Amino acid sequence: MSNLSNKVAVVTGGNSGIGYATAKLLIALGAKVIITGRNKAAVDEAAVQLGATGLVADQGRLADITRLADAIRTGFGKVDILFLNAGVASFSPVETASEEHYDSLMDLNVKGVYFTVQKLLPLLNDGGSIIFNTSVNAVLGVPGSSIYAASKAALLAINKVLAKELAPRKIRVNAVSPGPVTTPLYGKLGMKQEELDGFGQILGSKVLLNRFASPEEVANVVRFLASDDASYITGTELTVDGGLTVNAVV
């Protein structure tokens, strides 16, 4: 396992779930980690627990992204690892999907992620690593997930394009696509509790390993992609779903 001493890592949405677990692992391996989030109290608490630097930024606001880049430039001067983890998930069938629903998902999951890369790119060292947190929902065709799925599919497309654009700088660009994970995100899908419980049961029955992943299991894959252990991997999507996608039509 590669040592990450002297590396600077940015983990967006690092105050909970996969982002928190990833930040914790990167710190354990010697990296200096900056976590971001929209809620100041949550970011501050997580930063203290982790021993990270916490910066408040709303990924859906370009001005916040610009301020984030300025703060990282002033405080650290460089970035080696960028894990674009922050995002939202909410479901709605096409018949009732609102413009607000569409805009909130696309602003945070696509526009915000894209411009975070753009604003931090001048700080990213040649030979650095960018990792997108996407989702198997991009390909599963889950009813009610059309806008969320489209937002994650957009990241997979951006992943491949940026891998080509940034190859001259030896910057590796990859994506991790989790299946169901035991994180607070599943409590924010806009479903009633009984619907959420039923959704979890259906997903669990389709996972070949018969369980949800832990955030730490996804963090281990992010760590791999961020490190020199993955030095010959770029433009790739690594699916971390316990076999869900190969069992989708059983």
Protein backbone atom coordinates (compact mmCIF):
# COMPACT_ATOMS: atom_id res chain seq x y z
CA MET A 1 0.00 0.00 0.00
CA SER A 2 1.48 3.31 -1.09
CA ASN A 3 2.53 5.89 1.47
CA LEU A 4 0.90 9.28 0.85
CA SER A 5 3.25 11.43 2.90
CA ASN A 6 3.68 14.96 1.51
CA LYS A 7 0.54 14.54 -0.60
CA VAL A 8 -2.28 17.08 -0.39
CA ALA A 9 -5.75 15.64 -0.93
CA VAL A 10 -9.08 17.41 -1.35
CA VAL A 11 -12.20 15.41 -0.51
CA THR A 12 -15.44 17.21 -1.33
CA GLY A 13 -18.35 16.25 0.88
CA GLY A 14 -15.85 14.88 3.38
CA ASN A 15 -17.87 15.35 6.53
CA SER A 16 -19.82 12.07 6.32
CA GLY A 17 -20.19 8.73 4.58
CA ILE A 18 -17.76 7.75 1.83
CA GLY A 19 -16.03 11.14 1.92
CA TYR A 20 -15.35 10.90 5.66
CA ALA A 21 -14.09 7.32 5.39
CA THR A 22 -11.82 8.28 2.51
CA ALA A 23 -10.41 11.31 4.30
CA LYS A 24 -9.70 9.17 7.36
CA LEU A 25 -7.84 6.57 5.29
CA LEU A 26 -5.79 9.14 3.35
CA ILE A 27 -4.77 10.83 6.60
CA ALA A 28 -3.75 7.48 8.07
CA LEU A 29 -1.46 7.03 5.06
CA GLY A 30 0.23 10.37 5.64
CA ALA A 31 -1.68 12.78 3.39
CA LYS A 32 -2.71 16.30 4.35
CA VAL A 33 -6.45 16.32 3.73
CA ILE A 34 -8.90 19.15 3.07
CA ILE A 35 -12.57 18.27 3.44
CA THR A 36 -15.42 20.42 2.16
CA GLY A 37 -19.14 20.62 2.77
CA ARG A 38 -22.08 23.00 2.91
CA ASN A 39 -22.85 22.73 6.63
CA LYS A 40 -20.26 24.60 8.70
CA ALA A 41 -21.02 22.81 11.95
CA ALA A 42 -20.76 19.38 10.31
CA VAL A 43 -17.56 20.27 8.45
CA ASP A 44 -15.93 21.72 11.57
CA GLU A 45 -16.84 18.68 13.68
CA ALA A 46 -15.57 16.22 11.08
CA ALA A 47 -12.34 18.19 10.58
CA VAL A 48 -11.59 18.03 14.30
CA GLN A 49 -12.36 14.31 14.47
CA LEU A 50 -10.21 13.54 11.44
CA GLY A 51 -7.35 15.96 11.95
CA ALA A 52 -8.19 17.48 8.56
CA THR A 53 -8.63 21.04 7.33
CA GLY A 54 -12.31 21.86 6.91
CA LEU A 55 -13.48 24.41 4.35
CA VAL A 56 -17.11 25.36 3.88
CA ALA A 57 -18.23 25.46 0.25
CA ASP A 58 -21.53 24.92 -1.53
CA GLN A 59 -20.64 22.93 -4.63
CA GLY A 60 -23.70 24.30 -6.39
CA ARG A 61 -22.38 27.88 -6.23
CA LEU A 62 -19.56 28.87 -8.54
CA ALA A 63 -18.52 31.71 -6.21
CA ASP A 64 -18.02 29.20 -3.39
CA ILE A 65 -15.91 26.99 -5.64
CA THR A 66 -13.74 29.97 -6.55
CA ARG A 67 -13.30 30.88 -2.87
CA LEU A 68 -12.43 27.25 -2.12
CA ALA A 69 -9.69 27.27 -4.76
CA ASP A 70 -8.30 30.53 -3.40
CA ALA A 71 -8.23 29.16 0.16
CA ILE A 72 -6.43 25.99 -0.93
CA ARG A 73 -3.94 28.02 -2.97
CA THR A 74 -3.19 30.22 0.04
CA GLY A 75 -3.07 27.45 2.62
CA PHE A 76 -1.43 24.62 0.69
CA GLY A 77 -0.22 25.86 -2.68
CA LYS A 78 -0.85 22.57 -4.44
CA VAL A 79 -3.13 19.55 -4.72
CA ASP A 80 -2.08 15.98 -5.50
CA ILE A 81 -5.36 14.11 -5.05
CA LEU A 82 -8.85 15.38 -5.85
CA PHE A 83 -11.77 13.16 -4.82
CA LEU A 84 -15.01 14.64 -6.15
CA ASN A 85 -17.35 12.96 -3.74
CA ALA A 86 -19.95 15.61 -2.87
CA GLY A 87 -23.36 15.15 -4.43
CA VAL A 88 -27.04 14.65 -3.73
CA ALA A 89 -29.49 11.86 -4.48
CA SER A 90 -33.24 12.20 -4.76
CA PHE A 91 -35.70 10.28 -6.88
CA SER A 92 -38.83 11.25 -8.78
CA PRO A 93 -40.76 9.57 -11.59
CA VAL A 94 -40.70 11.48 -14.85
CA GLU A 95 -44.41 12.35 -14.62
CA THR A 96 -43.93 14.42 -11.46
CA ALA A 97 -40.28 15.57 -11.73
CA SER A 98 -40.02 19.33 -11.27
CA GLU A 99 -37.61 21.86 -12.70
CA GLU A 100 -36.36 22.46 -9.15
CA HIS A 101 -35.64 18.74 -8.76
CA TYR A 102 -33.75 18.69 -12.05
CA ASP A 103 -31.76 21.84 -11.34
CA SER A 104 -30.78 20.85 -7.80
CA LEU A 105 -29.35 17.52 -8.95
CA MET A 106 -27.62 18.84 -12.04
CA ASP A 107 -26.20 21.92 -10.29
CA LEU A 108 -24.62 19.89 -7.49
CA ASN A 109 -23.82 16.61 -9.23
CA VAL A 110 -22.62 17.87 -12.61
CA LYS A 111 -22.04 21.62 -12.84
CA GLY A 112 -20.51 21.90 -9.39
CA VAL A 113 -18.26 18.90 -9.89
CA TYR A 114 -17.14 20.09 -13.31
CA PHE A 115 -16.21 23.58 -12.16
CA THR A 116 -14.52 22.26 -9.02
CA VAL A 117 -12.16 20.39 -11.33
CA GLN A 118 -11.69 23.49 -13.49
CA LYS A 119 -10.93 25.81 -10.57
CA LEU A 120 -8.58 23.39 -8.82
CA LEU A 121 -6.81 22.21 -11.96
CA PRO A 122 -4.16 24.98 -11.87
CA LEU A 123 -3.25 23.77 -8.37
CA LEU A 124 -3.13 20.09 -9.30
CA ASN A 125 0.41 18.81 -9.64
CA ASP A 126 1.46 17.06 -12.82
CA GLY A 127 1.15 13.36 -12.09
CA GLY A 128 -1.78 13.99 -9.77
CA SER A 129 -4.99 11.99 -9.47
CA ILE A 130 -8.64 12.95 -9.96
CA ILE A 131 -11.37 10.55 -8.85
CA PHE A 132 -15.09 11.02 -9.50
CA ASN A 133 -17.65 9.38 -7.22
CA THR A 134 -20.36 8.22 -9.60
CA SER A 135 -22.93 5.44 -9.13
CA VAL A 136 -24.17 2.20 -10.62
CA ASN A 137 -27.48 4.05 -10.99
CA ALA A 138 -25.97 5.50 -14.16
CA VAL A 139 -26.58 2.15 -15.87
CA LEU A 140 -29.16 0.23 -13.83
CA GLY A 141 -32.32 1.97 -15.06
CA VAL A 142 -33.88 2.15 -11.58
CA PRO A 143 -37.43 3.58 -11.82
CA GLY A 144 -37.64 7.11 -10.48
CA SER A 145 -33.92 7.75 -10.81
CA SER A 146 -33.83 9.28 -14.29
CA ILE A 147 -32.38 12.67 -13.35
CA TYR A 148 -30.02 11.29 -10.71
CA ALA A 149 -28.88 8.57 -13.11
CA ALA A 150 -28.31 11.15 -15.86
CA SER A 151 -26.18 13.26 -13.51
CA LYS A 152 -23.94 10.30 -12.69
CA ALA A 153 -23.76 9.17 -16.32
CA ALA A 154 -22.57 12.68 -17.19
CA LEU A 155 -19.68 12.29 -14.76
CA LEU A 156 -18.68 9.01 -16.40
CA ALA A 157 -18.56 10.77 -19.76
CA ILE A 158 -16.54 13.66 -18.31
CA ASN A 159 -14.20 11.13 -16.70
CA LYS A 160 -13.20 9.69 -20.07
CA VAL A 161 -12.80 13.07 -21.77
CA LEU A 162 -10.66 14.54 -19.00
CA ALA A 163 -8.48 11.44 -18.92
CA LYS A 164 -7.53 12.27 -22.52
CA GLU A 165 -7.25 16.03 -22.01
CA LEU A 166 -5.04 15.75 -18.93
CA ALA A 167 -2.85 12.85 -20.08
CA PRO A 168 -0.08 15.24 -21.29
CA ARG A 169 0.28 16.34 -17.67
CA LYS A 170 0.32 12.71 -16.46
CA ILE A 171 -2.79 13.43 -14.41
CA ARG A 172 -4.79 10.24 -14.01
CA VAL A 173 -8.59 10.59 -14.09
CA ASN A 174 -10.80 7.75 -12.89
CA ALA A 175 -14.22 7.05 -11.43
CA VAL A 176 -15.50 4.83 -8.65
CA SER A 177 -19.12 3.68 -9.01
CA PRO A 178 -20.55 2.36 -5.76
CA GLY A 179 -23.63 0.22 -5.43
CA PRO A 180 -25.68 0.44 -2.23
CA VAL A 181 -23.61 1.73 0.67
CA THR A 182 -24.58 2.19 4.31
CA THR A 183 -24.32 5.99 4.33
CA PRO A 184 -26.68 8.84 5.32
CA LEU A 185 -27.29 9.46 1.61
CA TYR A 186 -29.99 6.78 1.52
CA GLY A 187 -31.96 8.75 4.09
CA LYS A 188 -32.09 11.72 1.71
CA LEU A 189 -33.73 10.12 -1.31
CA GLY A 190 -37.06 11.84 -0.75
CA MET A 191 -38.80 8.55 0.05
CA LYS A 192 -41.06 7.68 2.96
CA GLN A 193 -39.49 5.32 5.51
CA GLU A 194 -41.54 2.33 4.33
CA GLU A 195 -40.53 3.05 0.74
CA LEU A 196 -36.90 3.36 1.80
CA ASP A 197 -37.04 0.06 3.69
CA GLY A 198 -38.58 -1.68 0.69
CA PHE A 199 -36.00 -0.15 -1.64
CA GLY A 200 -33.22 -1.44 0.61
CA GLN A 201 -34.68 -4.93 0.67
CA ILE A 202 -34.96 -5.05 -3.12
CA LEU A 203 -31.39 -3.84 -3.57
CA GLY A 204 -30.06 -6.24 -0.92
CA SER A 205 -31.69 -9.20 -2.68
CA LYS A 206 -29.92 -8.30 -5.93
CA VAL A 207 -26.43 -7.90 -4.45
CA LEU A 208 -24.49 -11.12 -4.95
CA LEU A 209 -22.63 -10.59 -1.67
CA ASN A 210 -26.02 -10.16 0.03
CA ARG A 211 -25.26 -6.92 1.86
CA PHE A 212 -24.63 -3.21 1.44
CA ALA A 213 -21.02 -1.99 1.31
CA SER A 214 -19.45 -0.08 4.15
CA PRO A 215 -18.07 3.39 3.36
CA GLU A 216 -14.61 2.04 4.19
CA GLU A 217 -14.82 -0.53 1.40
CA VAL A 218 -15.41 2.22 -1.16
CA ALA A 219 -12.71 4.37 0.47
CA ASN A 220 -10.19 1.59 -0.09
CA VAL A 221 -10.88 1.70 -3.83
CA VAL A 222 -10.54 5.49 -3.88
CA ARG A 223 -7.24 5.17 -2.00
CA PHE A 224 -6.01 2.72 -4.61
CA LEU A 225 -6.92 5.01 -7.51
CA ALA A 226 -5.33 7.99 -5.76
CA SER A 227 -2.02 6.25 -5.13
CA ASP A 228 0.92 5.07 -7.18
CA ASP A 229 -0.52 1.54 -6.87
CA ALA A 230 -2.78 2.62 -9.74
CA SER A 231 -0.02 4.38 -11.69
CA TYR A 232 -1.04 2.78 -15.02
CA ILE A 233 -4.80 3.29 -14.66
CA THR A 234 -6.64 6.25 -16.18
CA GLY A 235 -9.99 6.80 -17.86
CA THR A 236 -11.41 3.83 -15.98
CA GLU A 237 -14.54 3.23 -13.93
CA LEU A 238 -14.18 0.81 -11.02
CA THR A 239 -17.53 -0.61 -9.94
CA VAL A 240 -17.88 -1.38 -6.22
CA ASP A 241 -21.31 -2.97 -5.99
CA GLY A 242 -20.99 -6.47 -4.56
CA GLY A 243 -22.07 -7.90 -7.91
CA LEU A 244 -25.31 -5.90 -8.20
CA THR A 245 -24.89 -4.93 -11.85
CA VAL A 246 -24.19 -8.47 -13.06
CA ASN A 247 -27.26 -9.73 -11.18
CA ALA A 248 -29.67 -7.04 -12.37
CA VAL A 249 -31.77 -9.26 -14.68
CA VAL A 250 -31.99 -12.43 -12.59
